[in-house]
Each structure stands twice: as C-alpha cells, then as structure tokens.
PDB file of N, CA and C in Angstrom:
ATOM      1  N   UNK A   1      97.499 134.546 105.476  1.00  0.00           N
ATOM      2  CA  UNK A   1      96.863 133.753 104.454  1.00  0.00           C
ATOM      3  C   UNK A   1      96.032 132.653 105.122  1.00  0.00           C
ATOM      4  N   UNK A   2      94.787 132.515 104.716  1.00  0.00           N
ATOM      5  CA  UNK A   2      93.885 131.529 105.301  1.00  0.00           C
ATOM      6  C   UNK A   2      94.211 130.128 104.790  1.00  0.00           C
ATOM      7  N   UNK A   3      94.066 129.152 105.679  1.00  0.00           N
ATOM      8  CA  UNK A   3      94.285 127.761 105.286  1.00  0.00           C
ATOM      9  C   UNK A   3      93.093 127.281 104.456  1.00  0.00           C
ATOM     10  N   UNK A   4      93.355 126.513 103.402  1.00  0.00           N
ATOM     11  CA  UNK A   4      92.230 125.971 102.632  1.00  0.00           C
ATOM     12  C   UNK A   4      91.505 124.900 103.443  1.00  0.00           C
ATOM     13  N   UNK A   5      90.186 124.824 103.272  1.00  0.00           N
ATOM     14  CA  UNK A   5      89.410 123.793 103.956  1.00  0.00           C
ATOM     15  C   UNK A   5      89.690 122.442 103.309  1.00  0.00           C
ATOM     16  N   UNK A   6      89.988 121.458 104.131  1.00  0.00           N
ATOM     17  CA  UNK A   6      90.219 120.113 103.645  1.00  0.00           C
ATOM     18  C   UNK A   6      88.957 119.304 103.925  1.00  0.00           C
ATOM     19  N   UNK A   7      88.364 118.777 102.855  1.00  0.00           N
ATOM     20  CA  UNK A   7      87.153 117.998 103.008  1.00  0.00           C
ATOM     21  C   UNK A   7      87.478 116.543 102.681  1.00  0.00           C
ATOM     22  N   UNK A   8      87.746 115.752 103.712  1.00  0.00           N
ATOM     23  CA  UNK A   8      88.123 114.354 103.535  1.00  0.00           C
ATOM     24  C   UNK A   8      86.998 113.568 102.882  1.00  0.00           C
ATOM     25  N   UNK A   9      85.776 113.857 103.275  1.00  0.00           N
ATOM     26  CA  UNK A   9      84.615 113.145 102.735  1.00  0.00           C
ATOM     27  C   UNK A   9      84.521 113.291 101.218  1.00  0.00           C
ATOM     28  N   UNK A  10      84.605 114.517 100.734  1.00  0.00           N
ATOM     29  CA  UNK A  10      84.508 114.741  99.292  1.00  0.00           C
ATOM     30  C   UNK A  10      85.664 114.107  98.541  1.00  0.00           C
ATOM     31  N   UNK A  11      86.866 114.156  99.104  1.00  0.00           N
ATOM     32  CA  UNK A  11      88.020 113.531  98.468  1.00  0.00           C
ATOM     33  C   UNK A  11      87.830 112.027  98.326  1.00  0.00           C
ATOM     34  N   UNK A  12      87.374 111.387  99.387  1.00  0.00           N
ATOM     35  CA  UNK A  12      87.134 109.942  99.368  1.00  0.00           C
ATOM     36  C   UNK A  12      86.053 109.586  98.350  1.00  0.00           C
ATOM     37  N   UNK A  13      84.948 110.326  98.361  1.00  0.00           N
ATOM     38  CA  UNK A  13      83.845 110.040  97.441  1.00  0.00           C
ATOM     39  C   UNK A  13      84.241 110.309  95.992  1.00  0.00           C
ATOM     40  N   UNK A  14      84.984 111.373  95.750  1.00  0.00           N
ATOM     41  CA  UNK A  14      85.402 111.684  94.383  1.00  0.00           C
ATOM     42  C   UNK A  14      86.311 110.587  93.834  1.00  0.00           C
ATOM     43  N   UNK A  15      87.267 110.114  94.644  1.00  0.00           N
ATOM     44  CA  UNK A  15      88.148 109.021  94.210  1.00  0.00           C
ATOM     45  C   UNK A  15      87.349 107.752  93.942  1.00  0.00           C
ATOM     46  N   UNK A  16      86.367 107.469  94.787  1.00  0.00           N
ATOM     47  CA  UNK A  16      85.514 106.291  94.597  1.00  0.00           C
ATOM     48  C   UNK A  16      84.699 106.407  93.318  1.00  0.00           C
ATOM     49  N   UNK A  17      84.233 107.601  93.024  1.00  0.00           N
ATOM     50  CA  UNK A  17      83.459 107.850  91.810  1.00  0.00           C
ATOM     51  C   UNK A  17      84.327 107.662  90.568  1.00  0.00           C
ATOM     52  N   UNK A  18      85.532 108.231  90.586  1.00  0.00           N
ATOM     53  CA  UNK A  18      86.440 108.132  89.442  1.00  0.00           C
ATOM     54  C   UNK A  18      86.886 106.698  89.181  1.00  0.00           C
ATOM     55  N   UNK A  19      87.199 105.969  90.233  1.00  0.00           N
ATOM     56  CA  UNK A  19      87.739 104.620  90.072  1.00  0.00           C
ATOM     57  C   UNK A  19      86.643 103.558  89.928  1.00  0.00           C
ATOM     58  N   UNK A  20      85.396 103.943  90.155  1.00  0.00           N
ATOM     59  CA  UNK A  20      84.245 103.029  90.077  1.00  0.00           C
ATOM     60  C   UNK A  20      84.419 101.804  90.968  1.00  0.00           C
ATOM     61  N   UNK A  21      85.078 101.976  92.096  1.00  0.00           N
ATOM     62  CA  UNK A  21      85.233 100.851  93.021  1.00  0.00           C
ATOM     63  C   UNK A  21      83.940 100.632  93.801  1.00  0.00           C
ATOM     64  N   UNK A  22      83.701  99.389  94.158  1.00  0.00           N
ATOM     65  CA  UNK A  22      82.490  99.051  94.909  1.00  0.00           C
ATOM     66  C   UNK A  22      82.661  99.464  96.366  1.00  0.00           C
ATOM     67  N   UNK A  23      81.598  99.984  96.927  1.00  0.00           N
ATOM     68  CA  UNK A  23      81.592 100.441  98.309  1.00  0.00           C
ATOM     69  C   UNK A  23      80.589  99.642  99.119  1.00  0.00           C
ATOM     70  N   UNK A  24      80.887  99.460 100.397  1.00  0.00           N
ATOM     71  CA  UNK A  24      79.933  98.902 101.343  1.00  0.00           C
ATOM     72  C   UNK A  24      79.556 100.018 102.298  1.00  0.00           C
ATOM     73  N   UNK A  25      78.262 100.318 102.360  1.00  0.00           N
ATOM     74  CA  UNK A  25      77.779 101.406 103.210  1.00  0.00           C
ATOM     75  C   UNK A  25      76.968 100.804 104.356  1.00  0.00           C
ATOM     76  N   UNK A  26      77.339 101.164 105.585  1.00  0.00           N
ATOM     77  CA  UNK A  26      76.600 100.746 106.769  1.00  0.00           C
ATOM     78  C   UNK A  26      75.649 101.874 107.147  1.00  0.00           C
ATOM     79  N   UNK A  27      74.366 101.547 107.229  1.00  0.00           N
ATOM     80  CA  UNK A  27      73.347 102.542 107.559  1.00  0.00           C
ATOM     81  C   UNK A  27      73.048 102.530 109.060  1.00  0.00           C
ATOM     82  N   UNK A  28      72.425 103.577 109.555  1.00  0.00           N
ATOM     83  CA  UNK A  28      72.100 103.672 110.981  1.00  0.00           C
ATOM     84  C   UNK A  28      71.139 102.568 111.412  1.00  0.00           C
ATOM     85  N   UNK A  29      70.418 101.975 110.467  1.00  0.00           N
ATOM     86  CA  UNK A  29      69.502 100.870 110.768  1.00  0.00           C
ATOM     87  C   UNK A  29      70.243  99.553 110.964  1.00  0.00           C
ATOM     88  N   UNK A  30      71.554  99.524 110.643  1.00  0.00           N
ATOM     89  CA  UNK A  30      72.337  98.302 110.743  1.00  0.00           C
ATOM     90  C   UNK A  30      72.436  97.562 109.419  1.00  0.00           C
ATOM     91  N   UNK A  31      71.720  98.019 108.410  1.00  0.00           N
ATOM     92  CA  UNK A  31      71.730  97.384 107.095  1.00  0.00           C
ATOM     93  C   UNK A  31      72.993  97.756 106.339  1.00  0.00           C
ATOM     94  N   UNK A  32      73.554  96.786 105.608  1.00  0.00           N
ATOM     95  CA  UNK A  32      74.703  97.022 104.728  1.00  0.00           C
ATOM     96  C   UNK A  32      74.198  97.107 103.297  1.00  0.00           C
ATOM     97  N   UNK A  33      74.684  98.081 102.549  1.00  0.00           N
ATOM     98  CA  UNK A  33      74.341  98.229 101.135  1.00  0.00           C
ATOM     99  C   UNK A  33      75.651  98.255 100.367  1.00  0.00           C
ATOM    100  N   UNK A  34      75.768  97.397  99.349  1.00  0.00           N
ATOM    101  CA  UNK A  34      76.996  97.353  98.551  1.00  0.00           C
ATOM    102  C   UNK A  34      76.676  97.715  97.120  1.00  0.00           C
ATOM    103  N   UNK A  35      77.460  98.635  96.555  1.00  0.00           N
ATOM    104  CA  UNK A  35      77.241  99.042  95.175  1.00  0.00           C
ATOM    105  C   UNK A  35      78.316 100.004  94.710  1.00  0.00           C
ATOM    106  N   UNK A  36      78.075 100.573  93.538  1.00  0.00           N
ATOM    107  CA  UNK A  36      79.015 101.496  92.916  1.00  0.00           C
ATOM    108  C   UNK A  36      78.463 102.915  92.992  1.00  0.00           C
ATOM    109  N   UNK A  37      79.281 103.836  93.444  1.00  0.00           N
ATOM    110  CA  UNK A  37      78.875 105.231  93.556  1.00  0.00           C
ATOM    111  C   UNK A  37      78.687 105.834  92.174  1.00  0.00           C
ATOM    112  N   UNK A  38      77.553 106.492  91.947  1.00  0.00           N
ATOM    113  CA  UNK A  38      77.272 107.130  90.669  1.00  0.00           C
ATOM    114  C   UNK A  38      77.286 108.659  90.765  1.00  0.00           C
ATOM    115  N   UNK A  39      76.769 109.216  91.865  1.00  0.00           N
ATOM    116  CA  UNK A  39      76.743 110.668  92.067  1.00  0.00           C
ATOM    117  C   UNK A  39      76.700 110.956  93.567  1.00  0.00           C
ATOM    118  N   UNK A  40      77.094 112.178  93.931  1.00  0.00           N
ATOM    119  CA  UNK A  40      76.945 112.608  95.320  1.00  0.00           C
ATOM    120  C   UNK A  40      76.893 114.123  95.369  1.00  0.00           C
ATOM    121  N   UNK A  41      76.307 114.631  96.440  1.00  0.00           N
ATOM    122  CA  UNK A  41      76.311 116.071  96.709  1.00  0.00           C
ATOM    123  C   UNK A  41      76.445 116.259  98.214  1.00  0.00           C
ATOM    124  N   UNK A  42      76.120 117.444  98.702  1.00  0.00           N
ATOM    125  CA  UNK A  42      76.272 117.740 100.136  1.00  0.00           C
ATOM    126  C   UNK A  42      75.422 116.855 101.020  1.00  0.00           C
ATOM    127  N   UNK A  43      74.278 116.391 100.504  1.00  0.00           N
ATOM    128  CA  UNK A  43      73.306 115.722 101.361  1.00  0.00           C
ATOM    129  C   UNK A  43      73.074 114.244 101.066  1.00  0.00           C
ATOM    130  N   UNK A  44      73.454 113.785  99.883  1.00  0.00           N
ATOM    131  CA  UNK A  44      73.073 112.422  99.510  1.00  0.00           C
ATOM    132  C   UNK A  44      74.062 111.782  98.546  1.00  0.00           C
ATOM    133  N   UNK A  45      73.945 110.445  98.435  1.00  0.00           N
ATOM    134  CA  UNK A  45      74.710 109.651  97.478  1.00  0.00           C
ATOM    135  C   UNK A  45      73.729 108.910  96.583  1.00  0.00           C
ATOM    136  N   UNK A  46      74.113 108.660  95.346  1.00  0.00           N
ATOM    137  CA  UNK A  46      73.371 107.755  94.479  1.00  0.00           C
ATOM    138  C   UNK A  46      74.277 106.561  94.250  1.00  0.00           C
ATOM    139  N   UNK A  47      73.783 105.397  94.651  1.00  0.00           N
ATOM    140  CA  UNK A  47      74.550 104.164  94.564  1.00  0.00           C
ATOM    141  C   UNK A  47      73.858 103.220  93.597  1.00  0.00           C
ATOM    142  N   UNK A  48      74.623 102.609  92.695  1.00  0.00           N
ATOM    143  CA  UNK A  48      74.049 101.607  91.799  1.00  0.00           C
ATOM    144  C   UNK A  48      74.178 100.245  92.470  1.00  0.00           C
ATOM    145  N   UNK A  49      73.029  99.611  92.698  1.00  0.00           N
ATOM    146  CA  UNK A  49      72.971  98.315  93.358  1.00  0.00           C
ATOM    147  C   UNK A  49      72.170  97.370  92.472  1.00  0.00           C
ATOM    148  N   UNK A  50      72.820  96.335  91.970  1.00  0.00           N
ATOM    149  CA  UNK A  50      72.164  95.320  91.138  1.00  0.00           C
ATOM    150  C   UNK A  50      71.374  95.950  89.989  1.00  0.00           C
ATOM    151  N   UNK A  51      71.990  96.912  89.311  1.00  0.00           N
ATOM    152  CA  UNK A  51      71.372  97.531  88.147  1.00  0.00           C
ATOM    153  C   UNK A  51      70.382  98.652  88.444  1.00  0.00           C
ATOM    154  N   UNK A  52      70.080  98.908  89.711  1.00  0.00           N
ATOM    155  CA  UNK A  52      69.172  99.997  90.100  1.00  0.00           C
ATOM    156  C   UNK A  52      69.961 101.081  90.800  1.00  0.00           C
ATOM    157  N   UNK A  53      69.514 102.308  90.654  1.00  0.00           N
ATOM    158  CA  UNK A  53      70.132 103.414  91.387  1.00  0.00           C
ATOM    159  C   UNK A  53      69.283 103.723  92.610  1.00  0.00           C
ATOM    160  N   UNK A  54      69.937 103.800  93.766  1.00  0.00           N
ATOM    161  CA  UNK A  54      69.220 104.144  94.990  1.00  0.00           C
ATOM    162  C   UNK A  54      69.830 105.405  95.597  1.00  0.00           C
ATOM    163  N   UNK A  55      68.982 106.218  96.198  1.00  0.00           N
ATOM    164  CA  UNK A  55      69.392 107.459  96.849  1.00  0.00           C
ATOM    165  C   UNK A  55      69.550 107.179  98.336  1.00  0.00           C
ATOM    166  N   UNK A  56      70.710 107.525  98.886  1.00  0.00           N
ATOM    167  CA  UNK A  56      70.976 107.343 100.309  1.00  0.00           C
ATOM    168  C   UNK A  56      71.344 108.693 100.891  1.00  0.00           C
ATOM    169  N   UNK A  57      70.579 109.134 101.881  1.00  0.00           N
ATOM    170  CA  UNK A  57      70.891 110.402 102.535  1.00  0.00           C
ATOM    171  C   UNK A  57      72.082 110.218 103.470  1.00  0.00           C
ATOM    172  N   UNK A  58      73.004 111.160 103.442  1.00  0.00           N
ATOM    173  CA  UNK A  58      74.230 111.051 104.229  1.00  0.00           C
ATOM    174  C   UNK A  58      73.954 110.972 105.729  1.00  0.00           C
ATOM    175  N   UNK A  59      72.880 111.611 106.213  1.00  0.00           N
ATOM    176  CA  UNK A  59      72.621 111.563 107.655  1.00  0.00           C
ATOM    177  C   UNK A  59      72.210 110.165 108.111  1.00  0.00           C
ATOM    178  N   UNK A  60      71.928 109.261 107.167  1.00  0.00           N
ATOM    179  CA  UNK A  60      71.579 107.886 107.497  1.00  0.00           C
ATOM    180  C   UNK A  60      72.754 106.925 107.406  1.00  0.00           C
ATOM    181  N   UNK A  61      73.961 107.452 107.135  1.00  0.00           N
ATOM    182  CA  UNK A  61      75.137 106.611 106.952  1.00  0.00           C
ATOM    183  C   UNK A  61      76.001 106.615 108.215  1.00  0.00           C
ATOM    184  N   UNK A  62      76.415 105.430 108.631  1.00  0.00           N
ATOM    185  CA  UNK A  62      77.338 105.290 109.753  1.00  0.00           C
ATOM    186  C   UNK A  62      78.768 105.244 109.237  1.00  0.00           C
ATOM    187  N   UNK A  63      79.019 104.398 108.221  1.00  0.00           N
ATOM    188  CA  UNK A  63      80.369 104.293 107.671  1.00  0.00           C
ATOM    189  C   UNK A  63      80.323 103.843 106.215  1.00  0.00           C
ATOM    190  N   UNK A  64      81.434 104.130 105.508  1.00  0.00           N
ATOM    191  CA  UNK A  64      81.597 103.714 104.124  1.00  0.00           C
ATOM    192  C   UNK A  64      82.945 103.011 104.030  1.00  0.00           C
ATOM    193  N   UNK A  65      82.937 101.828 103.416  1.00  0.00           N
ATOM    194  CA  UNK A  65      84.150 101.036 103.295  1.00  0.00           C
ATOM    195  C   UNK A  65      84.289 100.583 101.848  1.00  0.00           C
ATOM    196  N   UNK A  66      85.516 100.404 101.394  1.00  0.00           N
ATOM    197  CA  UNK A  66      85.749  99.845 100.072  1.00  0.00           C
ATOM    198  C   UNK A  66      85.425  98.356 100.162  1.00  0.00           C
ATOM    199  N   UNK A  67      84.552  97.873  99.276  1.00  0.00           N
ATOM    200  CA  UNK A  67      84.123  96.473  99.311  1.00  0.00           C
ATOM    201  C   UNK A  67      85.292  95.556  98.986  1.00  0.00           C
ATOM    202  N   UNK A  68      85.287  94.391  99.616  1.00  0.00           N
ATOM    203  CA  UNK A  68      86.321  93.392  99.326  1.00  0.00           C
ATOM    204  C   UNK A  68      86.138  92.874  97.909  1.00  0.00           C
ATOM    205  N   UNK A  69      87.219  92.631  97.189  1.00  0.00           N
ATOM    206  CA  UNK A  69      87.085  92.121  95.826  1.00  0.00           C
ATOM    207  C   UNK A  69      86.419  90.743  95.820  1.00  0.00           C
ATOM    208  N   UNK A  70      85.582  90.518  94.799  1.00  0.00           N
ATOM    209  CA  UNK A  70      84.900  89.229  94.668  1.00  0.00           C
ATOM    210  C   UNK A  70      85.910  88.151  94.316  1.00  0.00           C
ATOM    211  N   UNK A  71      85.668  86.957  94.842  1.00  0.00           N
ATOM    212  CA  UNK A  71      86.552  85.864  94.456  1.00  0.00           C
ATOM    213  C   UNK A  71      86.955  85.049  95.565  1.00  0.00           C
TER     214      UNK A  71
END
C-alpha cells in the first residue's frame, strides 16, 4: 500500500484560510507583507492587505509566519 503524500504547505495555508488569522510573509526582496489569506493554489497566494487583495507568487516567498496579535 502506497503512503499518502503529506503536503505541509497546503495544510498550513488551509488552516490559515479557515481561521482567518493574519500572516506575515517575508519576500525574497526582504520586504514583509502582513495580511489575511483569501485564496491560494499551487503557484500563488491572494492576501488581503489594508482592504486590497494582492497576488503573491510562491516562488517569491522566503517564509510565512503567523502575525503577532495587535495590542
């Protein structure tokens, strides 16, 4: 019996999408983008930042972190 493929990336993104938690994304340019995940697929994420939706290609991402709560 073949082992099922475990995709950690999709699991993390799906949980973030369901819980609507804010994420901090570090890009290869060194820029940090903080927002709420709205959609994702194999190649890109759509993040809501200050009321706008922005498309971020996954190959431009260094890391994704759960944003610290405001306060």
